[in-house]
């Protein structure tokens, strides 16, 4: 009798790592900490990711980065973070976090800018005269 196992290979893209792990971590960095280090916060975030990723376990990475950046994970982000942490792809993800840090942080920064713009558009009612052509 031959046993056949269906193996599903999960591949986590850089975009998924940024969206489901790093973006939530960024959102959970203490606001006072971000204000205090406003000039250098993105460099600190990048450095904390890289240095925290020098482990073989994503759970340890999470504990390390939480300690370095005063991160308290908010309930709304638990599911996304857990998805990545429990993916079983520790080695691959940690390698990406170490070797592709700048690109991953760039993805988070782009998402942050998009969210800021969406927020401003929502609260400012879009363009000044309501014309679609005034939109950047």
Protein backbone atom coordinates (compact mmCIF):
# COMPACT_ATOMS: atom_id res chain seq x y z
CA UNK A 1 0.00 0.00 0.00
CA UNK A 2 1.33 3.37 -0.98
CA UNK A 3 0.68 6.37 1.18
CA UNK A 4 0.30 9.55 -0.74
CA UNK A 5 0.39 12.83 1.08
CA UNK A 6 -0.88 15.97 -0.47
CA UNK A 7 1.52 18.68 0.45
CA UNK A 8 0.46 22.24 0.22
CA UNK A 9 3.35 24.58 -0.11
CA UNK A 10 2.62 27.96 1.31
CA UNK A 11 4.65 30.78 -0.10
CA UNK A 12 4.50 34.06 1.70
CA UNK A 13 5.33 37.03 -0.50
CA UNK A 14 7.11 40.15 0.66
CA UNK A 15 3.82 41.98 0.32
CA UNK A 16 2.08 39.50 2.64
CA UNK A 17 4.87 39.77 5.21
CA UNK A 18 4.59 43.55 5.12
CA UNK A 19 0.78 43.53 5.18
CA UNK A 20 0.15 40.85 7.78
CA UNK A 21 3.16 41.18 10.09
CA UNK A 22 5.06 44.43 9.74
CA UNK A 23 2.12 46.79 9.13
CA UNK A 24 0.32 45.60 12.28
CA UNK A 25 3.54 45.88 14.27
CA UNK A 26 4.04 49.43 12.97
CA UNK A 27 0.48 50.36 13.93
CA UNK A 28 1.06 49.02 17.44
CA UNK A 29 4.24 50.99 18.15
CA UNK A 30 3.37 53.36 20.97
CA UNK A 31 2.27 56.76 19.58
CA UNK A 32 4.34 58.65 22.17
CA UNK A 33 7.40 56.66 21.11
CA UNK A 34 6.76 57.55 17.45
CA UNK A 35 6.43 61.24 18.35
CA UNK A 36 9.53 61.21 20.54
CA UNK A 37 11.67 59.73 17.75
CA UNK A 38 9.78 61.21 14.79
CA UNK A 39 12.90 62.15 12.81
CA UNK A 40 14.40 58.68 13.01
CA UNK A 41 11.46 56.36 13.65
CA UNK A 42 11.57 54.60 10.27
CA UNK A 43 15.29 53.89 10.64
CA UNK A 44 14.64 52.57 14.14
CA UNK A 45 11.80 50.39 12.85
CA UNK A 46 14.04 48.99 10.10
CA UNK A 47 16.91 48.38 12.53
CA UNK A 48 14.63 46.70 15.05
CA UNK A 49 13.24 44.37 12.39
CA UNK A 50 16.68 43.38 11.18
CA UNK A 51 18.22 42.85 14.60
CA UNK A 52 15.14 41.04 15.95
CA UNK A 53 15.19 38.67 12.98
CA UNK A 54 18.55 37.17 13.99
CA UNK A 55 16.89 34.14 15.53
CA UNK A 56 15.50 30.89 14.17
CA UNK A 57 11.99 31.35 15.55
CA UNK A 58 9.28 33.85 14.60
CA UNK A 59 7.89 33.85 18.13
CA UNK A 60 11.27 34.99 19.43
CA UNK A 61 11.38 37.63 16.66
CA UNK A 62 8.00 38.92 17.83
CA UNK A 63 9.09 39.09 21.48
CA UNK A 64 12.34 40.84 20.51
CA UNK A 65 10.73 43.52 18.36
CA UNK A 66 8.01 44.16 20.92
CA UNK A 67 10.65 44.82 23.53
CA UNK A 68 12.81 47.03 21.28
CA UNK A 69 9.99 49.31 20.09
CA UNK A 70 7.53 49.28 23.00
CA UNK A 71 4.90 47.43 20.96
CA UNK A 72 1.67 46.30 22.55
CA UNK A 73 -0.29 44.23 20.03
CA UNK A 74 -3.84 45.45 19.59
CA UNK A 75 -6.71 42.97 19.31
CA UNK A 76 -7.55 43.98 15.75
CA UNK A 77 -4.11 42.80 14.56
CA UNK A 78 -3.79 39.51 16.44
CA UNK A 79 -5.21 37.34 13.65
CA UNK A 80 -2.90 38.71 10.95
CA UNK A 81 0.21 38.50 13.12
CA UNK A 82 -0.69 34.99 14.26
CA UNK A 83 -1.17 33.91 10.64
CA UNK A 84 2.44 34.77 9.86
CA UNK A 85 3.91 33.57 13.15
CA UNK A 86 2.13 30.20 12.87
CA UNK A 87 2.79 29.74 9.13
CA UNK A 88 5.60 27.26 9.71
CA UNK A 89 7.82 29.32 7.45
CA UNK A 90 10.08 30.70 10.14
CA UNK A 91 13.35 30.24 8.27
CA UNK A 92 12.11 31.77 5.01
CA UNK A 93 10.36 34.73 6.65
CA UNK A 94 13.22 35.48 9.01
CA UNK A 95 15.65 35.38 6.08
CA UNK A 96 13.46 37.90 4.24
CA UNK A 97 13.26 40.07 7.35
CA UNK A 98 17.06 40.11 7.56
CA UNK A 99 17.93 40.39 3.88
CA UNK A 100 15.02 42.39 2.43
CA UNK A 101 14.43 44.72 5.37
CA UNK A 102 14.63 47.98 3.44
CA UNK A 103 12.15 46.80 0.81
CA UNK A 104 9.74 45.44 3.43
CA UNK A 105 9.85 48.71 5.38
CA UNK A 106 9.27 50.60 2.14
CA UNK A 107 6.09 48.57 1.62
CA UNK A 108 4.94 49.46 5.14
CA UNK A 109 5.73 53.15 4.55
CA UNK A 110 3.74 53.11 1.31
CA UNK A 111 0.78 51.55 3.09
CA UNK A 112 1.11 54.12 5.86
CA UNK A 113 1.07 57.00 3.36
CA UNK A 114 -1.93 55.50 1.57
CA UNK A 115 -3.82 55.19 4.86
CA UNK A 116 -2.93 58.78 5.79
CA UNK A 117 -4.15 60.04 2.43
CA UNK A 118 -7.37 58.04 2.70
CA UNK A 119 -7.95 59.46 6.18
CA UNK A 120 -7.32 63.03 5.01
CA UNK A 121 -9.61 62.59 2.02
CA UNK A 122 -12.35 61.19 4.24
CA UNK A 123 -12.10 64.00 6.77
CA UNK A 124 -11.50 66.81 4.32
CA UNK A 125 -14.24 65.72 1.96
CA UNK A 126 -11.82 65.00 -0.88
CA UNK A 127 -10.79 67.90 -3.08
CA UNK A 128 -11.48 71.55 -2.33
CA UNK A 129 -14.15 72.16 -4.94
CA UNK A 130 -15.35 68.59 -5.26
CA UNK A 131 -13.82 68.10 -8.70
CA UNK A 132 -12.31 64.72 -9.42
CA UNK A 133 -9.66 66.46 -11.49
CA UNK A 134 -8.17 68.15 -8.43
CA UNK A 135 -7.17 64.76 -7.04
CA UNK A 136 -3.41 64.13 -7.18
